[in-house]
């Protein structure tokens, strides 16, 4: 079966650059956005009309209209899915949003399959030559949509089962809020059930990858979700090298005491940084603030994660953050604001995951150069840089190896033992650590193989920071050029901007030498 990279986020028909649609009439405050449960029947009707037009439209303009009508319905599906997810994460105990998010999560694959079906219909359309012109999709766009599609009823069933298991995990997280975080009671009462859910997710994902013709789930995920120009084998070798060369720095880190920080203080930090950076970055913050496109206040039952999403129907980004109440929140908000700025500049970015994480992590680094009174925060970020390399490499290596276990080897006990071995190899015993605490790493359950992006992209982001330190203004100038980039592949992206490939021989040693003096 042919491998496929599904461009699910290419949702503008006129691909002539990053721009807002012609019918866009102005920004909407988040408080004025209304959630409506996605109408999957309406989605199917719009899809059928567009696919029929691909074959039978009398004019290109007629076909264009049917495509745009489908895009509007597709955008509504994803926008309402994201609105439900935001509200669900605000209060995990809210039954209404539990049900709405579960419905959206279990049906969103139908929308993804619909987009794939549309592009396959367009690939066979008599208007294909015109559609691959410069004013539309571009040359060769439909090459990926020839031959056999991965999307069928079996794949949809797998994805629905995956969504249901992820929902079970979230429900367990909500129940676990009743006991003290990281307590013995927590691990005794809730970790076993979470471990079982993780086991079932791994089994399901392995089956799905095998059904789709992939040798392993990591190979499927790298190809299907993340558009990576490096292999799982290269990534594992990179993680192992981090474990060999950087753990000594990690073990030397001392606990950093962090001052308390309110949500208002965190927003003020970002405001000053954005204004000092100017241009589209300042404009992005103005939108974030004036339209209330954020939820960064603490909440009793708020999900312990941070993320940024693009609300397609409104052409606006949104930031969700569960603050910990320390100055570290300023770095977290800067991170998510990097995603926000990229989406703002592009009117919705479809950059590959690794490239998107360069935008976010570089914003963290640059905020240290453009904020005020950042000496303490810089020290925190320096330590955090080591933690990103070591901890995210450990989690990623664990994740890759778990998906390499055979059916006979795949047990809760073996998964826990593997986590123990890798944790010891990467120095986790020097921190607060429980051999079952992988159940608290949300990405393992809901965004498998994502964490690899944090490691490799941090290398590229750190290079931008180094340029800024060496020649003030140069790192920012390069970053602003990058904000409009929607490249799929990290290595190509780095080289396009004159930066080093994170996988080049000796890069980890270079990073160690750059970071080591910071801790002397």
Protein backbone atom coordinates (compact mmCIF):
# COMPACT_ATOMS: atom_id res chain seq x y z
CA UNK A 1 0.00 0.00 0.00
CA UNK A 2 1.36 3.37 -0.98
CA UNK A 3 2.54 5.65 1.81
CA UNK A 4 0.66 8.89 2.03
CA UNK A 5 1.33 12.30 3.50
CA UNK A 6 -2.10 13.80 4.01
CA UNK A 7 -2.03 17.58 3.89
CA UNK A 8 -4.97 17.99 6.23
CA UNK A 9 -4.24 21.58 7.09
CA UNK A 10 -4.05 23.00 3.57
CA UNK A 11 -7.46 24.56 3.73
CA UNK A 12 -7.17 27.58 1.43
CA UNK A 13 -7.98 27.10 -2.21
CA UNK A 14 -5.91 30.01 -3.44
CA UNK A 15 -2.44 29.04 -2.30
CA UNK A 16 -0.63 32.21 -3.27
CA UNK A 17 0.85 32.89 0.16
CA UNK A 18 -0.26 33.49 3.73
CA UNK A 19 -3.39 35.55 3.55
CA UNK A 20 -6.85 35.96 5.03
CA UNK A 21 -9.79 34.92 2.86
CA UNK A 22 -11.55 37.46 0.67
CA UNK A 23 -14.79 37.16 2.69
CA UNK A 24 -13.05 37.82 6.01
CA UNK A 25 -14.76 40.69 7.80
CA UNK A 26 -12.83 41.18 11.02
CA UNK A 27 -11.70 39.45 14.19
CA UNK A 28 -14.11 37.95 16.73
CA UNK A 29 -13.69 38.02 20.50
CA UNK A 30 -13.40 34.56 21.99
CA UNK A 31 -16.33 35.31 24.30
CA UNK A 32 -18.54 35.80 21.21
CA UNK A 33 -17.65 32.48 19.59
CA UNK A 34 -20.47 29.93 19.76
CA UNK A 35 -20.03 26.17 19.88
CA UNK A 36 -22.34 24.00 17.81
CA UNK A 37 -22.05 20.23 17.74
CA UNK A 38 -20.62 19.32 14.30
CA UNK A 39 -23.28 18.23 11.84
CA UNK A 40 -21.72 15.21 10.17
CA UNK A 41 -24.68 14.81 7.80
CA UNK A 42 -24.11 18.36 6.53
CA UNK A 43 -20.42 17.51 6.19
CA UNK A 44 -21.24 14.48 4.06
CA UNK A 45 -23.66 16.46 1.90
CA UNK A 46 -21.09 19.18 1.21
CA UNK A 47 -18.47 16.53 0.44
CA UNK A 48 -20.77 14.71 -1.98
CA UNK A 49 -21.54 17.98 -3.77
CA UNK A 50 -17.87 18.90 -4.11
CA UNK A 51 -16.86 15.43 -5.31
CA UNK A 52 -19.69 15.45 -7.86
CA UNK A 53 -18.58 18.87 -9.08
CA UNK A 54 -15.02 17.57 -9.49
CA UNK A 55 -16.39 15.33 -12.23
CA UNK A 56 -19.36 17.21 -13.58
CA UNK A 57 -18.95 20.97 -12.99
CA UNK A 58 -19.68 23.04 -16.07
CA UNK A 59 -17.02 25.62 -15.22
CA UNK A 60 -13.94 25.91 -13.05
CA UNK A 61 -15.69 28.64 -11.07
CA UNK A 62 -18.57 26.28 -10.25
CA UNK A 63 -16.09 23.70 -8.99
CA UNK A 64 -14.23 26.33 -6.97
CA UNK A 65 -17.48 27.34 -5.26
CA UNK A 66 -18.30 23.74 -4.29
CA UNK A 67 -14.78 23.29 -2.89
CA UNK A 68 -15.02 26.48 -0.84
CA UNK A 69 -18.42 25.42 0.46
CA UNK A 70 -16.92 22.13 1.60
CA UNK A 71 -13.97 23.89 3.19
CA UNK A 72 -16.37 26.04 5.22
CA UNK A 73 -18.10 22.93 6.59
CA UNK A 74 -14.76 21.21 7.22
CA UNK A 75 -13.51 24.28 9.07
CA UNK A 76 -16.66 24.32 11.18
CA UNK A 77 -16.05 20.70 12.20
CA UNK A 78 -12.51 21.46 13.35
CA UNK A 79 -13.40 24.79 14.93
CA UNK A 80 -16.15 23.24 17.03
CA UNK A 81 -13.90 20.30 17.87
CA UNK A 82 -11.30 22.75 19.20
CA UNK A 83 -13.88 24.87 21.03
CA UNK A 84 -15.19 21.75 22.74
CA UNK A 85 -11.64 20.69 23.64
CA UNK A 86 -10.85 24.10 25.14
CA UNK A 87 -13.97 24.08 27.30
CA UNK A 88 -13.42 20.46 28.29
CA UNK A 89 -9.88 21.27 29.44
CA UNK A 90 -11.07 24.31 31.40
CA UNK A 91 -13.09 22.02 33.70
CA UNK A 92 -12.61 18.28 33.37
CA UNK A 93 -15.55 17.69 35.72
CA UNK A 94 -18.09 19.40 33.44
CA UNK A 95 -20.30 16.58 32.13
CA UNK A 96 -21.66 18.58 29.20
CA UNK A 97 -18.24 19.32 27.76
CA UNK A 98 -17.09 15.76 28.45
CA UNK A 99 -19.86 14.51 26.16
CA UNK A 100 -19.36 17.18 23.52
CA UNK A 101 -15.62 16.66 23.31
CA UNK A 102 -16.08 12.89 23.18
CA UNK A 103 -18.52 13.29 20.28
CA UNK A 104 -16.18 15.59 18.38
CA UNK A 105 -13.11 13.44 19.01
CA UNK A 106 -14.84 10.30 17.81
CA UNK A 107 -16.14 11.95 14.63
CA UNK A 108 -13.28 14.19 13.56
CA UNK A 109 -11.65 11.35 11.62
CA UNK A 110 -14.70 11.39 9.35
CA UNK A 111 -13.85 14.98 8.41
CA UNK A 112 -10.22 14.05 7.78
CA UNK A 113 -11.30 11.18 5.57
CA UNK A 114 -13.63 13.53 3.72
CA UNK A 115 -10.83 15.94 2.85
CA UNK A 116 -8.77 13.08 1.54
CA UNK A 117 -11.74 11.90 -0.55
CA UNK A 118 -12.19 15.37 -2.01
CA UNK A 119 -8.55 15.66 -3.05
CA UNK A 120 -8.70 12.23 -4.66
CA UNK A 121 -11.78 13.29 -6.61
CA UNK A 122 -9.98 16.46 -7.72
CA UNK A 123 -6.98 14.39 -8.80
CA UNK A 124 -9.29 12.67 -11.31
CA UNK A 125 -11.11 15.86 -12.31
CA UNK A 126 -10.96 17.17 -15.88
CA UNK A 127 -9.98 20.46 -14.23
CA UNK A 128 -6.86 19.01 -12.59
CA UNK A 129 -4.44 20.88 -14.83
CA UNK A 130 -6.02 24.23 -13.96
CA UNK A 131 -6.22 23.32 -10.27
CA UNK A 132 -2.49 22.62 -10.22
CA UNK A 133 -1.76 26.08 -11.58
CA UNK A 134 -0.02 28.79 -9.58
CA UNK A 135 -3.29 30.46 -8.59
CA UNK A 136 -4.70 27.29 -7.05
CA UNK A 137 -3.00 24.29 -5.44
CA UNK A 138 0.30 24.38 -7.28
CA UNK A 139 2.15 21.95 -9.51
CA UNK A 140 2.08 18.32 -8.43
CA UNK A 141 -0.28 18.87 -5.49
CA UNK A 142 -2.49 15.93 -6.38
CA UNK A 143 0.35 13.46 -6.94
CA UNK A 144 -0.05 12.32 -3.33
CA UNK A 145 -3.71 11.56 -3.97
CA UNK A 146 -3.31 9.02 -6.74
CA UNK A 147 -3.57 5.30 -6.18
CA UNK A 148 -4.96 3.60 -3.12
CA UNK A 149 -6.14 5.67 -0.15
CA UNK A 150 -5.32 4.82 3.44
CA UNK A 151 -8.73 6.09 4.48
CA UNK A 152 -11.33 3.34 4.68
CA UNK A 153 -13.90 2.11 7.18
CA UNK A 154 -11.31 0.00 8.99
CA UNK A 155 -9.01 2.97 9.54
CA UNK A 156 -11.93 5.09 10.71
CA UNK A 157 -12.85 2.36 13.18
CA UNK A 158 -9.28 2.27 14.50
CA UNK A 159 -9.27 6.06 14.93
CA UNK A 160 -12.64 6.02 16.69
CA UNK A 161 -11.38 3.33 19.09
CA UNK A 162 -8.24 5.37 19.68
CA UNK A 163 -10.33 8.47 20.47
CA UNK A 164 -12.46 6.47 22.92
CA UNK A 165 -9.37 5.22 24.78
CA UNK A 166 -7.97 8.74 24.92
CA UNK A 167 -11.29 9.91 26.38
CA UNK A 168 -11.01 7.17 29.02
CA UNK A 169 -7.56 8.47 29.93
CA UNK A 170 -8.89 12.01 30.32
CA UNK A 171 -11.71 10.70 32.52
CA UNK A 172 -9.17 8.96 34.74
CA UNK A 173 -7.19 12.21 34.94
CA UNK A 174 -10.33 14.00 36.12
CA UNK A 175 -10.99 11.37 38.78
CA UNK A 176 -7.37 11.56 39.92
CA UNK A 177 -7.80 15.22 40.83
CA UNK A 178 -9.61 13.97 43.93
CA UNK A 179 -6.29 12.91 45.47
CA UNK A 180 -3.01 14.72 45.96
CA UNK A 181 -0.94 15.06 42.83
CA UNK A 182 2.06 12.70 42.69
CA UNK A 183 1.09 11.11 46.02
CA UNK A 184 1.40 7.43 46.85
CA UNK A 185 -2.38 7.26 46.82
CA UNK A 186 -2.42 8.67 43.30
CA UNK A 187 -0.09 6.00 41.95
CA UNK A 188 -1.82 3.19 43.83
CA UNK A 189 -5.40 4.16 42.94
CA UNK A 190 -5.16 5.59 39.42
CA UNK A 191 -1.83 4.71 37.81
CA UNK A 192 -2.73 1.02 37.26
CA UNK A 193 -5.81 1.91 35.22
CA UNK A 194 -3.86 4.53 33.26
CA UNK A 195 -1.11 2.00 32.57
CA UNK A 196 -3.70 -0.41 31.19
CA UNK A 197 -5.14 2.29 28.93
CA UNK A 198 -1.65 3.06 27.62
CA UNK A 199 -1.07 -0.64 26.94
CA UNK A 200 -4.32 -0.84 24.98
CA UNK A 201 -3.45 2.31 23.01
CA UNK A 202 -0.07 0.85 22.05
CA UNK A 203 -1.68 -2.42 20.97
CA UNK A 204 -4.29 -0.62 18.90
CA UNK A 205 -1.76 1.67 17.24
CA UNK A 206 0.53 -1.22 16.40
CA UNK A 207 -2.39 -3.04 14.79
CA UNK A 208 -3.39 0.07 12.85
CA UNK A 209 0.12 0.62 11.48
CA UNK A 210 0.39 -3.03 10.43
CA UNK A 211 -2.99 -2.86 8.70
CA UNK A 212 -1.83 0.19 6.76
CA UNK A 213 1.31 -1.59 5.58
CA UNK A 214 3.91 0.04 7.82
CA UNK A 215 6.72 -1.87 9.51
CA UNK A 216 6.09 -0.08 12.81
CA UNK A 217 3.85 2.52 14.38
CA UNK A 218 6.68 5.11 14.59
CA UNK A 219 7.22 4.82 10.82
CA UNK A 220 3.50 5.35 10.26
CA UNK A 221 3.33 8.34 12.62
CA UNK A 222 6.45 10.00 11.20
CA UNK A 223 5.00 9.74 7.69
CA UNK A 224 1.30 10.28 8.31
CA UNK A 225 1.22 12.89 11.08
CA UNK A 226 4.55 14.68 11.37
CA UNK A 227 6.09 15.08 7.89
CA UNK A 228 9.61 14.40 9.18
CA UNK A 229 12.66 14.29 6.97
CA UNK A 230 14.46 11.94 9.34
CA UNK A 231 13.61 8.38 10.28
CA UNK A 232 12.61 6.86 13.64
CA UNK A 233 15.96 5.08 13.61
CA UNK A 234 17.84 8.38 13.25
CA UNK A 235 15.77 9.85 16.04
CA UNK A 236 16.46 6.95 18.40
CA UNK A 237 20.19 7.20 17.75
CA UNK A 238 19.96 10.93 18.51
CA UNK A 239 18.11 10.32 21.79
CA UNK A 240 20.64 7.70 22.84
CA UNK A 241 23.48 10.11 22.08
CA UNK A 242 21.83 12.74 24.28
CA UNK A 243 21.67 10.14 27.04
CA UNK A 244 25.38 9.41 26.66
CA UNK A 245 26.67 12.97 26.34
CA UNK A 246 24.33 15.33 28.15
CA UNK A 247 23.16 13.49 31.25
CA UNK A 248 26.23 14.63 33.19
CA UNK A 249 25.00 18.22 32.78
CA UNK A 250 21.53 17.14 33.85
CA UNK A 251 22.82 15.46 37.00
CA UNK A 252 24.70 18.63 37.93
CA UNK A 253 21.61 20.80 37.84
CA UNK A 254 20.46 22.12 41.14
CA UNK A 255 16.86 22.79 42.05
CA UNK A 256 15.94 26.29 40.97
CA UNK A 257 13.77 28.30 43.31
CA UNK A 258 11.09 30.15 41.39
CA UNK A 259 9.24 33.25 42.51
CA UNK A 260 5.47 33.27 42.46
CA UNK A 261 3.76 34.89 39.49
CA UNK A 262 0.15 35.80 38.76
CA UNK A 263 -1.58 35.45 35.40
CA UNK A 264 -1.56 39.24 35.10
CA UNK A 265 2.22 39.29 35.67
CA UNK A 266 2.66 36.61 33.02
CA UNK A 267 0.64 38.56 30.46
CA UNK A 268 2.56 41.74 31.27
CA UNK A 269 5.85 39.93 30.67
CA UNK A 270 4.68 38.81 27.25
CA UNK A 271 3.26 42.24 26.43
CA UNK A 272 6.60 43.93 27.06
CA UNK A 273 8.48 41.31 25.05
CA UNK A 274 6.10 41.56 22.10
CA UNK A 275 6.17 45.34 22.06
CA UNK A 276 9.95 45.36 22.17
CA UNK A 277 10.10 42.91 19.25
CA UNK A 278 7.60 45.01 17.31
CA UNK A 279 6.05 44.45 13.91
CA UNK A 280 3.78 41.46 13.40
CA UNK A 281 4.81 40.06 16.80
CA UNK A 282 3.41 43.13 18.55
CA UNK A 283 0.33 42.92 16.33
CA UNK A 284 -0.17 39.28 17.30
CA UNK A 285 -0.09 40.16 20.99
CA UNK A 286 -2.56 42.96 20.42
CA UNK A 287 -4.98 40.46 18.90
CA UNK A 288 -4.38 37.96 21.71
CA UNK A 289 -5.11 40.58 24.35
CA UNK A 290 -7.88 42.61 22.74
CA UNK A 291 -9.96 39.62 21.66
CA UNK A 292 -9.40 37.53 24.77
CA UNK A 293 -7.92 34.68 22.76
CA UNK A 294 -6.49 32.93 25.77
CA UNK A 295 -7.39 31.08 28.94
CA UNK A 296 -4.45 31.29 31.32
CA UNK A 297 -6.18 31.58 34.71
CA UNK A 298 -5.86 28.65 37.15
CA UNK A 299 -8.82 26.37 37.78
CA UNK A 300 -9.59 23.67 40.30
CA UNK A 301 -10.36 21.02 37.67
CA UNK A 302 -8.38 22.49 34.81
CA UNK A 303 -6.40 20.07 32.67
CA UNK A 304 -2.68 20.23 33.46
CA UNK A 305 -1.51 21.06 29.94
CA UNK A 306 -0.81 24.03 27.70
CA UNK A 307 -1.47 24.28 23.98
CA UNK A 308 -2.32 26.60 21.07
CA UNK A 309 -4.95 25.89 18.42
CA UNK A 310 -6.17 27.70 15.34
CA UNK A 311 -9.92 28.29 15.14
CA UNK A 312 -10.33 27.99 11.39
CA UNK A 313 -13.82 29.43 11.02
CA UNK A 314 -12.70 32.65 12.74
CA UNK A 315 -9.14 32.74 11.34
CA UNK A 316 -7.85 33.26 14.88
CA UNK A 317 -5.39 31.41 17.12
CA UNK A 318 -6.12 30.62 20.78
CA UNK A 319 -3.85 29.84 23.75
CA UNK A 320 -4.77 27.54 26.63
CA UNK A 321 -2.47 27.33 29.63
CA UNK A 322 -2.78 25.83 33.08
CA UNK A 323 -0.41 28.02 35.11
CA UNK A 324 1.68 26.70 37.96
CA UNK A 325 1.83 30.14 39.62
CA UNK A 326 5.56 30.71 39.21
CA UNK A 327 7.69 32.76 36.84
CA UNK A 328 8.07 29.64 34.70
CA UNK A 329 4.58 30.47 33.42
CA UNK A 330 6.17 33.34 31.52
CA UNK A 331 8.23 30.88 29.48
CA UNK A 332 5.22 28.63 28.95
CA UNK A 333 3.12 31.52 27.65
CA UNK A 334 5.98 32.70 25.43
CA UNK A 335 6.21 29.18 24.01
CA UNK A 336 2.53 29.04 23.09
CA UNK A 337 2.69 32.61 21.81
CA UNK A 338 5.35 31.50 19.32
CA UNK A 339 2.76 29.15 17.82
CA UNK A 340 0.17 31.94 18.03
CA UNK A 341 2.39 34.39 16.15
CA UNK A 342 3.10 31.86 13.39
CA UNK A 343 -0.62 31.18 12.98
CA UNK A 344 -1.38 34.91 13.08
CA UNK A 345 1.13 35.78 10.39
CA UNK A 346 0.01 32.92 8.13
CA UNK A 347 -3.73 33.11 8.74
CA UNK A 348 -3.45 29.53 9.95
CA UNK A 349 -0.13 27.74 9.52
CA UNK A 350 0.27 24.22 8.18
CA UNK A 351 3.97 23.96 9.06
CA UNK A 352 5.23 20.53 10.04
CA UNK A 353 5.25 19.76 13.74
CA UNK A 354 9.02 20.08 14.10
CA UNK A 355 9.05 23.46 12.34
CA UNK A 356 6.13 24.68 14.45
CA UNK A 357 8.12 23.83 17.58
CA UNK A 358 11.01 25.97 16.34
CA UNK A 359 8.62 28.93 16.27
CA UNK A 360 7.51 28.28 19.85
CA UNK A 361 10.84 27.43 21.46
CA UNK A 362 12.67 30.27 19.72
CA UNK A 363 10.07 32.69 21.12
CA UNK A 364 10.94 31.46 24.62
CA UNK A 365 14.62 32.15 24.02
CA UNK A 366 14.07 35.52 22.38
CA UNK A 367 11.78 36.66 25.18
CA UNK A 368 14.82 36.54 27.44
CA UNK A 369 16.47 39.13 25.22
CA UNK A 370 13.47 41.46 24.89
CA UNK A 371 11.79 41.18 28.28
CA UNK A 372 12.65 43.25 31.33
CA UNK A 373 14.56 42.04 34.38
CA UNK A 374 15.08 38.60 32.89
CA UNK A 375 18.27 37.57 34.71
CA UNK A 376 16.50 35.07 36.98
CA UNK A 377 14.30 33.80 34.18
CA UNK A 378 17.35 33.33 31.96
CA UNK A 379 18.92 31.12 34.61
CA UNK A 380 15.70 29.11 34.76
CA UNK A 381 15.61 28.76 30.98
CA UNK A 382 19.23 27.67 30.84
CA UNK A 383 18.43 24.83 33.21
CA UNK A 384 15.24 24.13 31.30
CA UNK A 385 17.23 23.76 28.08
CA UNK A 386 19.14 20.86 29.59
CA UNK A 387 15.87 19.37 30.83
CA UNK A 388 14.29 19.64 27.39
CA UNK A 389 17.15 17.73 25.78
CA UNK A 390 17.46 15.05 28.44
CA UNK A 391 13.90 14.50 29.63
CA UNK A 392 12.20 14.76 26.24
CA UNK A 393 14.86 12.47 24.74
CA UNK A 394 14.23 9.96 27.51
CA UNK A 395 10.46 10.08 27.05
CA UNK A 396 10.84 9.80 23.30
CA UNK A 397 13.29 6.90 23.48
CA UNK A 398 10.92 5.14 25.90
CA UNK A 399 8.01 5.74 23.55
CA UNK A 400 9.85 4.47 20.47
CA UNK A 401 10.99 1.35 22.29
CA UNK A 402 7.53 0.63 23.69
CA UNK A 403 6.15 0.57 20.14
CA UNK A 404 8.93 -1.87 19.27
CA UNK A 405 7.77 -4.48 21.79
CA UNK A 406 6.28 -7.64 20.35
CA UNK A 407 2.80 -8.85 21.22
CA UNK A 408 4.24 -11.28 23.77
CA UNK A 409 6.49 -8.62 25.30
CA UNK A 410 3.78 -5.97 25.54
CA UNK A 411 2.74 -6.08 29.20
CA UNK A 412 2.27 -3.38 31.83
CA UNK A 413 5.17 -4.84 33.77
CA UNK A 414 7.54 -4.73 30.80
CA UNK A 415 6.51 -1.18 29.90
CA UNK A 416 7.15 -0.06 33.47
CA UNK A 417 10.52 -1.87 33.53
CA UNK A 418 11.51 -0.20 30.26
CA UNK A 419 10.63 3.20 31.69
CA UNK A 420 12.66 2.39 34.80
CA UNK A 421 15.73 1.41 32.78
CA UNK A 422 15.60 4.51 30.58
CA UNK A 423 14.89 6.75 33.55
CA UNK A 424 18.00 5.49 35.34
CA UNK A 425 20.06 5.85 32.15
CA UNK A 426 18.99 9.50 31.83
CA UNK A 427 19.47 10.47 35.48
CA UNK A 428 15.85 10.65 36.62
CA UNK A 429 16.79 9.28 40.03
CA UNK A 430 18.27 12.72 40.79
CA UNK A 431 14.77 14.25 40.55
CA UNK A 432 11.37 13.56 42.02
CA UNK A 433 10.56 10.38 40.14
CA UNK A 434 8.21 7.45 40.27
CA UNK A 435 8.62 4.54 37.88
CA UNK A 436 4.93 4.85 36.99
CA UNK A 437 4.89 8.60 36.44
CA UNK A 438 4.86 8.15 32.66
CA UNK A 439 1.08 8.00 33.07
CA UNK A 440 1.22 11.76 33.73
CA UNK A 441 2.80 12.49 30.33
CA UNK A 442 -0.28 13.39 28.31
CA UNK A 443 1.54 13.29 24.97
CA UNK A 444 2.14 9.54 25.36
CA UNK A 445 -1.60 8.97 25.38
CA UNK A 446 -2.99 11.61 23.04
CA UNK A 447 -0.15 12.72 20.72
CA UNK A 448 2.11 9.71 20.22
CA UNK A 449 5.63 10.33 18.93
CA UNK A 450 5.13 14.12 19.18
CA UNK A 451 7.80 14.69 21.84
CA UNK A 452 10.61 13.94 19.42
CA UNK A 453 9.86 17.35 17.93
CA UNK A 454 10.78 19.17 21.13
CA UNK A 455 14.34 17.82 21.07
CA UNK A 456 15.42 18.33 17.46
CA UNK A 457 13.60 21.66 17.11
CA UNK A 458 15.19 22.95 20.31
CA UNK A 459 18.56 22.71 18.58
CA UNK A 460 17.38 25.00 15.77
CA UNK A 461 15.68 27.40 18.21
CA UNK A 462 18.84 27.57 20.32
CA UNK A 463 20.86 28.54 17.24
CA UNK A 464 18.52 31.52 16.75
CA UNK A 465 19.11 32.50 20.38
CA UNK A 466 22.86 32.25 19.93
CA UNK A 467 22.68 34.56 16.91
CA UNK A 468 20.75 37.09 18.98
CA UNK A 469 23.29 36.96 21.79
CA UNK A 470 26.22 37.33 19.40
CA UNK A 471 24.67 40.15 17.40
CA UNK A 472 21.57 41.76 18.98
CA UNK A 473 18.74 42.04 16.49
CA UNK A 474 20.04 39.36 14.11
CA UNK A 475 18.29 36.47 15.83
CA UNK A 476 15.04 38.42 15.93
CA UNK A 477 15.43 39.39 12.27
CA UNK A 478 15.87 35.74 11.30
CA UNK A 479 12.95 34.69 13.48
CA UNK A 480 10.63 37.23 11.90
CA UNK A 481 11.57 35.90 8.47
CA UNK A 482 10.75 32.39 9.70
CA UNK A 483 7.32 33.32 11.07
CA UNK A 484 5.77 33.12 7.62
CA UNK A 485 7.39 29.76 6.91
CA UNK A 486 5.10 26.77 6.61
CA UNK A 487 7.79 24.24 5.72
CA UNK A 488 7.00 20.62 6.41
CA UNK A 489 10.52 19.36 7.09
CA UNK A 490 12.87 20.41 9.89
CA UNK A 491 16.23 19.66 8.28
CA UNK A 492 15.32 21.43 5.05
CA UNK A 493 13.88 24.33 7.07
CA UNK A 494 17.08 24.77 9.09
CA UNK A 495 19.29 24.63 6.04
CA UNK A 496 17.08 27.07 4.11
CA UNK A 497 17.80 29.66 6.81
CA UNK A 498 21.52 28.94 7.04
CA UNK A 499 21.32 26.94 10.27
CA UNK A 500 22.92 23.62 11.15
CA UNK A 501 21.24 20.27 10.82
CA UNK A 502 20.50 18.95 14.35
CA UNK A 503 21.48 15.46 13.19
CA UNK A 504 24.91 16.42 11.92
CA UNK A 505 27.76 14.49 13.57
CA UNK A 506 29.08 16.36 16.58
CA UNK A 507 26.03 18.60 17.07
CA UNK A 508 25.24 17.27 20.54
CA UNK A 509 28.83 17.90 21.64
CA UNK A 510 28.54 21.47 20.32
CA UNK A 511 25.34 21.98 22.30
CA UNK A 512 26.99 20.61 25.44
CA UNK A 513 29.90 23.01 25.05
CA UNK A 514 27.50 25.91 24.52
CA UNK A 515 25.41 25.06 27.57
CA UNK A 516 28.14 23.94 29.98
CA UNK A 517 29.65 27.40 30.61
CA UNK A 518 26.17 28.65 31.46
CA UNK A 519 26.24 26.50 34.57
CA UNK A 520 29.79 27.24 35.70
